[in-house]
PDB file of N, CA and C in Angstrom:
ATOM      1  N   LEU A   1      84.034  97.032 128.921  1.00  0.00           N
ATOM      2  CA  LEU A   1      84.141  96.966 130.364  1.00  0.00           C
ATOM      3  C   LEU A   1      84.996  95.753 130.714  1.00  0.00           C
ATOM      4  N   GLU A   2      85.923  95.962 131.602  1.00  0.00           N
ATOM      5  CA  GLU A   2      86.802  94.879 132.045  1.00  0.00           C
ATOM      6  C   GLU A   2      87.065  95.079 133.532  1.00  0.00           C
ATOM      7  N   VAL A   3      86.978  94.011 134.287  1.00  0.00           N
ATOM      8  CA  VAL A   3      87.174  94.123 135.727  1.00  0.00           C
ATOM      9  C   VAL A   3      87.849  92.857 136.252  1.00  0.00           C
ATOM     10  N   GLU A   4      88.621  93.023 137.311  1.00  0.00           N
ATOM     11  CA  GLU A   4      89.206  91.892 138.027  1.00  0.00           C
ATOM     12  C   GLU A   4      88.353  91.631 139.256  1.00  0.00           C
ATOM     13  N   VAL A   5      87.947  90.390 139.423  1.00  0.00           N
ATOM     14  CA  VAL A   5      87.114  90.002 140.556  1.00  0.00           C
ATOM     15  C   VAL A   5      87.960  89.154 141.490  1.00  0.00           C
ATOM     16  N   ASP A   6      87.918  89.472 142.768  1.00  0.00           N
ATOM     17  CA  ASP A   6      88.739  88.786 143.765  1.00  0.00           C
ATOM     18  C   ASP A   6      88.095  87.460 144.192  1.00  0.00           C
ATOM     19  N   GLN A   7      87.771  86.641 143.204  1.00  0.00           N
ATOM     20  CA  GLN A   7      87.217  85.303 143.421  1.00  0.00           C
ATOM     21  C   GLN A   7      87.714  84.416 142.287  1.00  0.00           C
ATOM     22  N   PRO A   8      87.949  83.144 142.556  1.00  0.00           N
ATOM     23  CA  PRO A   8      88.340  82.245 141.461  1.00  0.00           C
ATOM     24  C   PRO A   8      87.179  82.061 140.477  1.00  0.00           C
ATOM     25  N   MET A   9      87.520  81.782 139.229  1.00  0.00           N
ATOM     26  CA  MET A   9      86.503  81.636 138.195  1.00  0.00           C
ATOM     27  C   MET A   9      85.467  80.573 138.551  1.00  0.00           C
ATOM     28  N   GLU A  10      85.896  79.478 139.133  1.00  0.00           N
ATOM     29  CA  GLU A  10      84.958  78.407 139.489  1.00  0.00           C
ATOM     30  C   GLU A  10      83.873  78.912 140.433  1.00  0.00           C
ATOM     31  N   ARG A  11      84.253  79.773 141.362  1.00  0.00           N
ATOM     32  CA  ARG A  11      83.281  80.325 142.320  1.00  0.00           C
ATOM     33  C   ARG A  11      82.278  81.231 141.605  1.00  0.00           C
ATOM     34  N   LEU A  12      82.766  82.086 140.714  1.00  0.00           N
ATOM     35  CA  LEU A  12      81.866  82.956 139.952  1.00  0.00           C
ATOM     36  C   LEU A  12      80.932  82.131 139.073  1.00  0.00           C
ATOM     37  N   TYR A  13      81.473  81.118 138.418  1.00  0.00           N
ATOM     38  CA  TYR A  13      80.657  80.251 137.566  1.00  0.00           C
ATOM     39  C   TYR A  13      79.547  79.596 138.396  1.00  0.00           C
ATOM     40  N   GLU A  14      79.916  79.116 139.561  1.00  0.00           N
ATOM     41  CA  GLU A  14      78.926  78.485 140.437  1.00  0.00           C
ATOM     42  C   GLU A  14      77.795  79.453 140.769  1.00  0.00           C
ATOM     43  N   GLU A  15      78.139  80.684 141.155  1.00  0.00           N
ATOM     44  CA  GLU A  15      77.118  81.665 141.540  1.00  0.00           C
ATOM     45  C   GLU A  15      76.273  82.120 140.354  1.00  0.00           C
ATOM     46  N   LEU A  16      76.890  82.351 139.213  1.00  0.00           N
ATOM     47  CA  LEU A  16      76.181  82.894 138.059  1.00  0.00           C
ATOM     48  C   LEU A  16      75.415  81.843 137.260  1.00  0.00           C
ATOM     49  N   VAL A  17      75.866  80.590 137.300  1.00  0.00           N
ATOM     50  CA  VAL A  17      75.258  79.559 136.459  1.00  0.00           C
ATOM     51  C   VAL A  17      74.575  78.476 137.297  1.00  0.00           C
ATOM     52  N   GLU A  18      75.311  77.862 138.191  1.00  0.00           N
ATOM     53  CA  GLU A  18      74.772  76.722 138.931  1.00  0.00           C
ATOM     54  C   GLU A  18      73.798  77.137 140.029  1.00  0.00           C
ATOM     55  N   ARG A  19      73.945  78.346 140.543  1.00  0.00           N
ATOM     56  CA  ARG A  19      73.059  78.840 141.610  1.00  0.00           C
ATOM     57  C   ARG A  19      72.260  80.060 141.133  1.00  0.00           C
ATOM     58  N   THR A  20      71.832  80.018 139.891  1.00  0.00           N
ATOM     59  CA  THR A  20      71.110  81.144 139.303  1.00  0.00           C
ATOM     60  C   THR A  20      69.957  81.610 140.183  1.00  0.00           C
ATOM     61  N   GLU A  21      69.184  80.682 140.712  1.00  0.00           N
ATOM     62  CA  GLU A  21      68.001  81.058 141.486  1.00  0.00           C
ATOM     63  C   GLU A  21      68.342  81.711 142.825  1.00  0.00           C
ATOM     64  N   ALA A  22      69.585  81.671 143.243  1.00  0.00           N
ATOM     65  CA  ALA A  22      70.004  82.329 144.487  1.00  0.00           C
ATOM     66  C   ALA A  22      70.542  83.733 144.236  1.00  0.00           C
ATOM     67  N   MET A  23      70.504  84.191 142.991  1.00  0.00           N
ATOM     68  CA  MET A  23      71.087  85.485 142.642  1.00  0.00           C
ATOM     69  C   MET A  23      70.502  86.641 143.458  1.00  0.00           C
ATOM     70  N   GLY A  24      69.231  86.566 143.807  1.00  0.00           N
ATOM     71  CA  GLY A  24      68.607  87.614 144.606  1.00  0.00           C
ATOM     72  C   GLY A  24      69.204  87.762 145.997  1.00  0.00           C
ATOM     73  N   GLU A  25      69.937  86.755 146.465  1.00  0.00           N
ATOM     74  CA  GLU A  25      70.570  86.824 147.785  1.00  0.00           C
ATOM     75  C   GLU A  25      71.752  87.783 147.809  1.00  0.00           C
ATOM     76  N   TRP A  26      72.404  87.992 146.661  1.00  0.00           N
ATOM     77  CA  TRP A  26      73.601  88.837 146.651  1.00  0.00           C
ATOM     78  C   TRP A  26      73.534  89.982 145.639  1.00  0.00           C
ATOM     79  N   ASN A  27      72.595  89.939 144.701  1.00  0.00           N
ATOM     80  CA  ASN A  27      72.482  90.998 143.700  1.00  0.00           C
ATOM     81  C   ASN A  27      71.333  91.924 144.090  1.00  0.00           C
ATOM     82  N   PRO A  28      71.630  93.164 144.481  1.00  0.00           N
ATOM     83  CA  PRO A  28      70.576  94.066 144.945  1.00  0.00           C
ATOM     84  C   PRO A  28      69.590  94.468 143.850  1.00  0.00           C
ATOM     85  N   ASN A  29      69.905  94.211 142.586  1.00  0.00           N
ATOM     86  CA  ASN A  29      69.001  94.555 141.483  1.00  0.00           C
ATOM     87  C   ASN A  29      67.981  93.461 141.186  1.00  0.00           C
ATOM     88  N   VAL A  30      68.160  92.296 141.801  1.00  0.00           N
ATOM     89  CA  VAL A  30      67.289  91.149 141.533  1.00  0.00           C
ATOM     90  C   VAL A  30      66.503  90.806 142.790  1.00  0.00           C
ATOM     91  N   LYS A  31      65.184  90.829 142.672  1.00  0.00           N
ATOM     92  CA  LYS A  31      64.347  90.413 143.798  1.00  0.00           C
ATOM     93  C   LYS A  31      64.187  88.896 143.808  1.00  0.00           C
ATOM     94  N   GLU A  32      63.977  88.339 142.604  1.00  0.00           N
ATOM     95  CA  GLU A  32      63.766  86.896 142.499  1.00  0.00           C
ATOM     96  C   GLU A  32      64.096  86.447 141.080  1.00  0.00           C
ATOM     97  N   ILE A  33      64.623  85.250 140.962  1.00  0.00           N
ATOM     98  CA  ILE A  33      64.883  84.664 139.645  1.00  0.00           C
ATOM     99  C   ILE A  33      64.557  83.175 139.711  1.00  0.00           C
ATOM    100  N   LYS A  34      63.859  82.704 138.701  1.00  0.00           N
ATOM    101  CA  LYS A  34      63.475  81.295 138.639  1.00  0.00           C
ATOM    102  C   LYS A  34      63.838  80.723 137.276  1.00  0.00           C
ATOM    103  N   VAL A  35      64.337  79.508 137.278  1.00  0.00           N
ATOM    104  CA  VAL A  35      64.576  78.794 136.028  1.00  0.00           C
ATOM    105  C   VAL A  35      63.241  78.186 135.608  1.00  0.00           C
ATOM    106  N   LEU A  36      62.767  78.574 134.423  1.00  0.00           N
ATOM    107  CA  LEU A  36      61.492  78.080 133.912  1.00  0.00           C
ATOM    108  C   LEU A  36      61.657  76.802 133.099  1.00  0.00           C
ATOM    109  N   GLN A  37      62.773  76.712 132.380  1.00  0.00           N
ATOM    110  CA  GLN A  37      63.002  75.529 131.550  1.00  0.00           C
ATOM    111  C   GLN A  37      64.488  75.372 131.280  1.00  0.00           C
ATOM    112  N   LYS A  38      64.948  74.133 131.305  1.00  0.00           N
ATOM    113  CA  LYS A  38      66.319  73.818 130.898  1.00  0.00           C
ATOM    114  C   LYS A  38      66.271  73.312 129.467  1.00  0.00           C
ATOM    115  N   ILE A  39      67.208  73.787 128.668  1.00  0.00           N
ATOM    116  CA  ILE A  39      67.311  73.363 127.271  1.00  0.00           C
ATOM    117  C   ILE A  39      68.712  72.795 127.106  1.00  0.00           C
ATOM    118  N   GLY A  40      68.823  71.498 127.105  1.00  0.00           N
ATOM    119  CA  GLY A  40      70.141  70.887 127.054  1.00  0.00           C
ATOM    120  C   GLY A  40      70.888  71.140 128.354  1.00  0.00           C
ATOM    121  N   LYS A  41      72.200  70.991 128.311  1.00  0.00           N
ATOM    122  CA  LYS A  41      72.984  71.157 129.544  1.00  0.00           C
ATOM    123  C   LYS A  41      73.498  72.575 129.748  1.00  0.00           C
ATOM    124  N   ASP A  42      73.436  73.418 128.716  1.00  0.00           N
ATOM    125  CA  ASP A  42      74.057  74.738 128.795  1.00  0.00           C
ATOM    126  C   ASP A  42      73.091  75.914 128.766  1.00  0.00           C
ATOM    127  N   THR A  43      71.814  75.679 128.490  1.00  0.00           N
ATOM    128  CA  THR A  43      70.890  76.779 128.235  1.00  0.00           C
ATOM    129  C   THR A  43      69.660  76.671 129.126  1.00  0.00           C
ATOM    130  N   VAL A  44      69.198  77.827 129.624  1.00  0.00           N
ATOM    131  CA  VAL A  44      67.991  77.887 130.447  1.00  0.00           C
ATOM    132  C   VAL A  44      67.153  79.093 130.043  1.00  0.00           C
ATOM    133  N   ILE A  45      65.866  78.997 130.324  1.00  0.00           N
ATOM    134  CA  ILE A  45      64.972  80.145 130.227  1.00  0.00           C
ATOM    135  C   ILE A  45      64.636  80.532 131.653  1.00  0.00           C
ATOM    136  N   THR A  46      64.790  81.820 131.963  1.00  0.00           N
ATOM    137  CA  THR A  46      64.562  82.294 133.324  1.00  0.00           C
ATOM    138  C   THR A  46      63.519  83.403 133.355  1.00  0.00           C
ATOM    139  N   HIS A  47      62.929  83.570 134.528  1.00  0.00           N
ATOM    140  CA  HIS A  47      62.050  84.704 134.808  1.00  0.00           C
ATOM    141  C   HIS A  47      62.689  85.467 135.952  1.00  0.00           C
ATOM    142  N   GLU A  48      62.974  86.755 135.722  1.00  0.00           N
ATOM    143  CA  GLU A  48      63.589  87.585 136.748  1.00  0.00           C
ATOM    144  C   GLU A  48      62.632  88.695 137.152  1.00  0.00           C
ATOM    145  N   LEU A  49      62.485  88.904 138.435  1.00  0.00           N
ATOM    146  CA  LEU A  49      61.717  90.017 138.971  1.00  0.00           C
ATOM    147  C   LEU A  49      62.725  91.005 139.531  1.00  0.00           C
ATOM    148  N   ALA A  50      62.742  92.209 138.952  1.00  0.00           N
ATOM    149  CA  ALA A  50      63.712  93.218 139.373  1.00  0.00           C
ATOM    150  C   ALA A  50      63.331  93.783 140.735  1.00  0.00           C
ATOM    151  N   ALA A  51      64.345  94.108 141.520  1.00  0.00           N
ATOM    152  CA  ALA A  51      64.123  94.771 142.798  1.00  0.00           C
ATOM    153  C   ALA A  51      63.668  96.198 142.525  1.00  0.00           C
ATOM    154  N   GLU A  52      62.891  96.754 143.441  1.00  0.00           N
ATOM    155  CA  GLU A  52      62.457  98.140 143.284  1.00  0.00           C
ATOM    156  C   GLU A  52      63.658  99.054 143.344  1.00  0.00           C
ATOM    157  N   SER A  53      63.620 100.085 142.504  1.00  0.00           N
ATOM    158  CA  SER A  53      64.715 101.055 142.487  1.00  0.00           C
ATOM    159  C   SER A  53      64.341 102.256 143.342  1.00  0.00           C
ATOM    160  N   ALA A  54      65.337 103.079 143.646  1.00  0.00           N
ATOM    161  CA  ALA A  54      65.096 104.281 144.442  1.00  0.00           C
ATOM    162  C   ALA A  54      64.037 105.134 143.758  1.00  0.00           C
ATOM    163  N   GLY A  55      63.010 105.484 144.473  1.00  0.00           N
ATOM    164  CA  GLY A  55      61.938 106.285 143.914  1.00  0.00           C
ATOM    165  C   GLY A  55      60.958 105.493 143.068  1.00  0.00           C
ATOM    166  N   ASN A  56      61.340 104.303 142.689  1.00  0.00           N
ATOM    167  CA  ASN A  56      60.501 103.403 141.896  1.00  0.00           C
ATOM    168  C   ASN A  56      59.802 104.118 140.738  1.00  0.00           C
ATOM    169  N   LEU A  57      60.574 104.928 139.992  1.00  0.00           N
ATOM    170  CA  LEU A  57      60.021 105.703 138.886  1.00  0.00           C
ATOM    171  C   LEU A  57      59.486 104.834 137.758  1.00  0.00           C
ATOM    172  N   VAL A  58      60.095 103.703 137.520  1.00  0.00           N
ATOM    173  CA  VAL A  58      59.680 102.828 136.426  1.00  0.00           C
ATOM    174  C   VAL A  58      58.555 101.900 136.855  1.00  0.00           C
ATOM    175  N   GLY A  59      58.522 101.531 138.103  1.00  0.00           N
ATOM    176  CA  GLY A  59      57.544 100.571 138.586  1.00  0.00           C
ATOM    177  C   GLY A  59      58.124  99.170 138.573  1.00  0.00           C
ATOM    178  N   PRO A  60      57.376  98.195 139.072  1.00  0.00           N
ATOM    179  CA  PRO A  60      57.879  96.821 139.113  1.00  0.00           C
ATOM    180  C   PRO A  60      58.109  96.293 137.695  1.00  0.00           C
ATOM    181  N   ARG A  61      59.260  95.657 137.490  1.00  0.00           N
ATOM    182  CA  ARG A  61      59.624  95.121 136.178  1.00  0.00           C
ATOM    183  C   ARG A  61      59.988  93.654 136.300  1.00  0.00           C
ATOM    184  N   ASP A  62      59.732  92.938 135.211  1.00  0.00           N
ATOM    185  CA  ASP A  62      60.222  91.569 135.139  1.00  0.00           C
ATOM    186  C   ASP A  62      60.791  91.319 133.749  1.00  0.00           C
ATOM    187  N   PHE A  63      61.536  90.238 133.630  1.00  0.00           N
ATOM    188  CA  PHE A  63      62.200  89.863 132.387  1.00  0.00           C
ATOM    189  C   PHE A  63      62.040  88.364 132.186  1.00  0.00           C
ATOM    190  N   VAL A  64      61.916  87.949 130.953  1.00  0.00           N
ATOM    191  CA  VAL A  64      62.034  86.538 130.602  1.00  0.00           C
ATOM    192  C   VAL A  64      63.246  86.463 129.686  1.00  0.00           C
ATOM    193  N   SER A  65      64.200  85.628 130.058  1.00  0.00           N
ATOM    194  CA  SER A  65      65.480  85.588 129.346  1.00  0.00           C
ATOM    195  C   SER A  65      65.862  84.172 128.966  1.00  0.00           C
ATOM    196  N   VAL A  66      66.616  84.069 127.896  1.00  0.00           N
ATOM    197  CA  VAL A  66      67.281  82.820 127.560  1.00  0.00           C
ATOM    198  C   VAL A  66      68.757  83.048 127.869  1.00  0.00           C
ATOM    199  N   ARG A  67      69.365  82.121 128.606  1.00  0.00           N
ATOM    200  CA  ARG A  67      70.759  82.242 129.047  1.00  0.00           C
ATOM    201  C   ARG A  67      71.526  80.993 128.646  1.00  0.00           C
ATOM    202  N   CYS A  68      72.747  81.207 128.214  1.00  0.00           N
ATOM    203  CA  CYS A  68      73.594  80.088 127.810  1.00  0.00           C
ATOM    204  C   CYS A  68      74.970  80.254 128.451  1.00  0.00           C
ATOM    205  N   ALA A  69      75.523  79.173 128.947  1.00  0.00           N
ATOM    206  CA  ALA A  69      76.866  79.175 129.538  1.00  0.00           C
ATOM    207  C   ALA A  69      77.692  78.103 128.834  1.00  0.00           C
ATOM    208  N   LYS A  70      78.796  78.509 128.263  1.00  0.00           N
ATOM    209  CA  LYS A  70      79.689  77.570 127.565  1.00  0.00           C
ATOM    210  C   LYS A  70      81.088  77.688 128.137  1.00  0.00           C
ATOM    211  N   ARG A  71      81.717  76.549 128.362  1.00  0.00           N
ATOM    212  CA  ARG A  71      83.092  76.522 128.853  1.00  0.00           C
ATOM    213  C   ARG A  71      83.997  75.983 127.757  1.00  0.00           C
ATOM    214  N   ARG A  72      85.105  76.667 127.575  1.00  0.00           N
ATOM    215  CA  ARG A  72      86.131  76.242 126.621  1.00  0.00           C
ATOM    216  C   ARG A  72      87.467  76.351 127.336  1.00  0.00           C
ATOM    217  N   GLY A  73      87.988  75.221 127.767  1.00  0.00           N
ATOM    218  CA  GLY A  73      89.238  75.244 128.516  1.00  0.00           C
ATOM    219  C   GLY A  73      89.058  76.036 129.798  1.00  0.00           C
ATOM    220  N   SER A  74      89.918  77.022 130.021  1.00  0.00           N
ATOM    221  CA  SER A  74      89.839  77.821 131.244  1.00  0.00           C
ATOM    222  C   SER A  74      88.968  79.062 131.067  1.00  0.00           C
ATOM    223  N   THR A  75      88.263  79.173 129.952  1.00  0.00           N
ATOM    224  CA  THR A  75      87.412  80.332 129.686  1.00  0.00           C
ATOM    225  C   THR A  75      85.946  79.928 129.723  1.00  0.00           C
ATOM    226  N   CYS A  76      85.124  80.804 130.260  1.00  0.00           N
ATOM    227  CA  CYS A  76      83.685  80.585 130.310  1.00  0.00           C
ATOM    228  C   CYS A  76      82.999  81.788 129.670  1.00  0.00           C
ATOM    229  N   VAL A  77      82.065  81.517 128.779  1.00  0.00           N
ATOM    230  CA  VAL A  77      81.291  82.571 128.127  1.00  0.00           C
ATOM    231  C   VAL A  77      79.841  82.439 128.577  1.00  0.00           C
ATOM    232  N   LEU A  78      79.292  83.534 129.102  1.00  0.00           N
ATOM    233  CA  LEU A  78      77.899  83.590 129.528  1.00  0.00           C
ATOM    234  C   LEU A  78      77.183  84.577 128.623  1.00  0.00           C
ATOM    235  N   ALA A  79      76.086  84.165 128.013  1.00  0.00           N
ATOM    236  CA  ALA A  79      75.348  85.042 127.106  1.00  0.00           C
ATOM    237  C   ALA A  79      73.859  84.929 127.393  1.00  0.00           C
ATOM    238  N   GLY A  80      73.139  85.983 127.073  1.00  0.00           N
ATOM    239  CA  GLY A  80      71.698  85.955 127.276  1.00  0.00           C
ATOM    240  C   GLY A  80      71.008  87.101 126.577  1.00  0.00           C
ATOM    241  N   MET A  81      69.689  86.981 126.493  1.00  0.00           N
ATOM    242  CA  MET A  81      68.872  88.059 125.951  1.00  0.00           C
ATOM    243  C   MET A  81      67.408  87.777 126.277  1.00  0.00           C
ATOM    244  N   ALA A  82      66.584  88.803 126.106  1.00  0.00           N
ATOM    245  CA  ALA A  82      65.155  88.646 126.348  1.00  0.00           C
ATOM    246  C   ALA A  82      64.567  87.664 125.341  1.00  0.00           C
ATOM    247  N   THR A  83      63.510  86.981 125.769  1.00  0.00           N
ATOM    248  CA  THR A  83      62.826  86.039 124.883  1.00  0.00           C
ATOM    249  C   THR A  83      61.345  86.016 125.217  1.00  0.00           C
ATOM    250  N   GLN A  84      60.568  85.420 124.356  1.00  0.00           N
ATOM    251  CA  GLN A  84      59.147  85.179 124.596  1.00  0.00           C
ATOM    252  C   GLN A  84      59.011  83.732 125.065  1.00  0.00           C
ATOM    253  N   PHE A  85      58.121  83.505 126.027  1.00  0.00           N
ATOM    254  CA  PHE A  85      57.920  82.153 126.540  1.00  0.00           C
ATOM    255  C   PHE A  85      56.455  82.032 126.938  1.00  0.00           C
ATOM    256  N   GLU A  86      55.710  81.210 126.209  1.00  0.00           N
ATOM    257  CA  GLU A  86      54.266  81.111 126.421  1.00  0.00           C
ATOM    258  C   GLU A  86      53.888  80.767 127.854  1.00  0.00           C
ATOM    259  N   GLU A  87      54.708  79.961 128.517  1.00  0.00           N
ATOM    260  CA  GLU A  87      54.383  79.544 129.879  1.00  0.00           C
ATOM    261  C   GLU A  87      54.582  80.659 130.906  1.00  0.00           C
ATOM    262  N   MET A  88      55.135  81.816 130.478  1.00  0.00           N
ATOM    263  CA  MET A  88      55.294  82.952 131.392  1.00  0.00           C
ATOM    264  C   MET A  88      54.774  84.210 130.688  1.00  0.00           C
ATOM    265  N   PRO A  89      53.443  84.347 130.628  1.00  0.00           N
ATOM    266  CA  PRO A  89      52.883  85.552 130.014  1.00  0.00           C
ATOM    267  C   PRO A  89      53.149  86.769 130.900  1.00  0.00           C
ATOM    268  N   GLU A  90      52.864  87.947 130.364  1.00  0.00           N
ATOM    269  CA  GLU A  90      53.029  89.171 131.150  1.00  0.00           C
ATOM    270  C   GLU A  90      52.172  89.076 132.403  1.00  0.00           C
ATOM    271  N   GLN A  91      52.720  89.588 133.512  1.00  0.00           N
ATOM    272  CA  GLN A  91      52.063  89.508 134.808  1.00  0.00           C
ATOM    273  C   GLN A  91      51.349  90.821 135.117  1.00  0.00           C
ATOM    274  N   LYS A  92      50.175  90.739 135.686  1.00  0.00           N
ATOM    275  CA  LYS A  92      49.410  91.931 136.051  1.00  0.00           C
ATOM    276  C   LYS A  92      50.190  92.747 137.085  1.00  0.00           C
ATOM    277  N   GLY A  93      50.270  94.054 136.862  1.00  0.00           N
ATOM    278  CA  GLY A  93      50.938  94.948 137.801  1.00  0.00           C
ATOM    279  C   GLY A  93      52.447  95.011 137.646  1.00  0.00           C
ATOM    280  N   VAL A  94      52.978  94.326 136.633  1.00  0.00           N
ATOM    281  CA  VAL A  94      54.424  94.296 136.413  1.00  0.00           C
ATOM    282  C   VAL A  94      54.701  94.657 134.957  1.00  0.00           C
ATOM    283  N   ILE A  95      55.674  95.511 134.718  1.00  0.00           N
ATOM    284  CA  ILE A  95      56.060  95.901 133.368  1.00  0.00           C
ATOM    285  C   ILE A  95      57.041  94.869 132.825  1.00  0.00           C
ATOM    286  N   ARG A  96      56.709  94.240 131.705  1.00  0.00           N
ATOM    287  CA  ARG A  96      57.610  93.270 131.084  1.00  0.00           C
ATOM    288  C   ARG A  96      58.696  94.051 130.347  1.00  0.00           C
ATOM    289  N   ALA A  97      59.883  93.988 130.853  1.00  0.00           N
ATOM    290  CA  ALA A  97      61.022  94.690 130.258  1.00  0.00           C
ATOM    291  C   ALA A  97      61.782  93.733 129.348  1.00  0.00           C
ATOM    292  N   GLU A  98      62.570  94.295 128.469  1.00  0.00           N
ATOM    293  CA  GLU A  98      63.396  93.486 127.580  1.00  0.00           C
ATOM    294  C   GLU A  98      64.819  93.999 127.624  1.00  0.00           C
ATOM    295  N   HIS A  99      65.742  93.129 127.308  1.00  0.00           N
ATOM    296  CA  HIS A  99      67.141  93.534 127.219  1.00  0.00           C
ATOM    297  C   HIS A  99      67.750  92.868 126.003  1.00  0.00           C
ATOM    298  N   GLY A 100      68.690  93.573 125.407  1.00  0.00           N
ATOM    299  CA  GLY A 100      69.352  93.062 124.209  1.00  0.00           C
ATOM    300  C   GLY A 100      70.364  91.998 124.568  1.00  0.00           C
ATOM    301  N   PRO A 101      71.070  91.518 123.594  1.00  0.00           N
ATOM    302  CA  PRO A 101      72.078  90.497 123.871  1.00  0.00           C
ATOM    303  C   PRO A 101      73.121  90.989 124.877  1.00  0.00           C
ATOM    304  N   THR A 102      73.453  90.124 125.817  1.00  0.00           N
ATOM    305  CA  THR A 102      74.505  90.412 126.792  1.00  0.00           C
ATOM    306  C   THR A 102      75.524  89.285 126.730  1.00  0.00           C
ATOM    307  N   CYS A 103      76.745  89.594 127.099  1.00  0.00           N
ATOM    308  CA  CYS A 103      77.787  88.577 127.091  1.00  0.00           C
ATOM    309  C   CYS A 103      78.840  88.924 128.138  1.00  0.00           C
ATOM    310  N   MET A 104      79.266  87.927 128.887  1.00  0.00           N
ATOM    311  CA  MET A 104      80.376  88.066 129.827  1.00  0.00           C
ATOM    312  C   MET A 104      81.357  86.943 129.538  1.00  0.00           C
ATOM    313  N   VAL A 105      82.625  87.273 129.557  1.00  0.00           N
ATOM    314  CA  VAL A 105      83.671  86.273 129.394  1.00  0.00           C
ATOM    315  C   VAL A 105      84.463  86.235 130.691  1.00  0.00           C
ATOM    316  N   LEU A 106      84.586  85.055 131.276  1.00  0.00           N
ATOM    317  CA  LEU A 106      85.315  84.859 132.527  1.00  0.00           C
ATOM    318  C   LEU A 106      86.523  83.982 132.256  1.00  0.00           C
ATOM    319  N   HIS A 107      87.656  84.372 132.793  1.00  0.00           N
ATOM    320  CA  HIS A 107      88.805  83.468 132.774  1.00  0.00           C
ATOM    321  C   HIS A 107      89.746  83.842 133.905  1.00  0.00           C
ATOM    322  N   PRO A 108      90.500  82.852 134.410  1.00  0.00           N
ATOM    323  CA  PRO A 108      91.417  83.128 135.514  1.00  0.00           C
ATOM    324  C   PRO A 108      92.388  84.238 135.128  1.00  0.00           C
ATOM    325  N   LEU A 109      92.665  85.105 136.078  1.00  0.00           N
ATOM    326  CA  LEU A 109      93.613  86.191 135.853  1.00  0.00           C
ATOM    327  C   LEU A 109      95.011  85.600 135.719  1.00  0.00           C
ATOM    328  N   ALA A 110      95.701  85.969 134.661  1.00  0.00           N
ATOM    329  CA  ALA A 110      97.057  85.460 134.421  1.00  0.00           C
ATOM    330  C   ALA A 110      97.946  85.745 135.625  1.00  0.00           C
ATOM    331  N   GLY A 111      98.598  84.719 136.136  1.00  0.00           N
ATOM    332  CA  GLY A 111      99.502  84.863 137.275  1.00  0.00           C
ATOM    333  C   GLY A 111      98.806  84.904 138.622  1.00  0.00           C
ATOM    334  N   SER A 112      97.477  84.890 138.637  1.00  0.00           N
ATOM    335  CA  SER A 112      96.735  84.940 139.895  1.00  0.00           C
ATOM    336  C   SER A 112      95.429  84.146 139.747  1.00  0.00           C
ATOM    337  N   PRO A 113      95.509  82.818 139.772  1.00  0.00           N
ATOM    338  CA  PRO A 113      94.328  81.994 139.525  1.00  0.00           C
ATOM    339  C   PRO A 113      93.218  82.129 140.571  1.00  0.00           C
ATOM    340  N   SER A 114      93.497  82.790 141.699  1.00  0.00           N
ATOM    341  CA  SER A 114      92.449  83.000 142.695  1.00  0.00           C
ATOM    342  C   SER A 114      91.595  84.222 142.353  1.00  0.00           C
ATOM    343  N   LYS A 115      91.908  84.876 141.221  1.00  0.00           N
ATOM    344  CA  LYS A 115      91.133  86.025 140.756  1.00  0.00           C
ATOM    345  C   LYS A 115      90.635  85.733 139.346  1.00  0.00           C
ATOM    346  N   THR A 116      89.585  86.452 138.951  1.00  0.00           N
ATOM    347  CA  THR A 116      88.982  86.247 137.639  1.00  0.00           C
ATOM    348  C   THR A 116      88.947  87.554 136.870  1.00  0.00           C
ATOM    349  N   LYS A 117      89.274  87.464 135.598  1.00  0.00           N
ATOM    350  CA  LYS A 117      89.117  88.607 134.702  1.00  0.00           C
ATOM    351  C   LYS A 117      87.750  88.463 134.047  1.00  0.00           C
ATOM    352  N   LEU A 118      86.933  89.493 134.158  1.00  0.00           N
ATOM    353  CA  LEU A 118      85.592  89.492 133.604  1.00  0.00           C
ATOM    354  C   LEU A 118      85.508  90.589 132.551  1.00  0.00           C
ATOM    355  N   THR A 119      85.144  90.224 131.335  1.00  0.00           N
ATOM    356  CA  THR A 119      84.961  91.219 130.270  1.00  0.00           C
ATOM    357  C   THR A 119      83.607  91.030 129.638  1.00  0.00           C
TER     358      THR A 119
END
């Protein structure tokens, strides 16, 4: 998957990394996200509560994830996956979902630094 986003990379980085807990304001799939622990300067453990889906066939879901953001020059790599975290046990009435490794690479679009290439 590859897409051009009509925002500069710095803006995307700010929204995806520095303002993680505000993700529910603009992502319709996220009801709430909280940073549970910071590990160094690049890694966090988060708890995400998914927004209800149409028909709510699956029921309320949540995730506990470890996320890492690394910058190398003009490129930013965001990676994450489900994890276990004793301080956030499964919640009553919510299905604890898991997701495999994910990765996004962000870098300014060649010839158009006000846009970002996301892969």
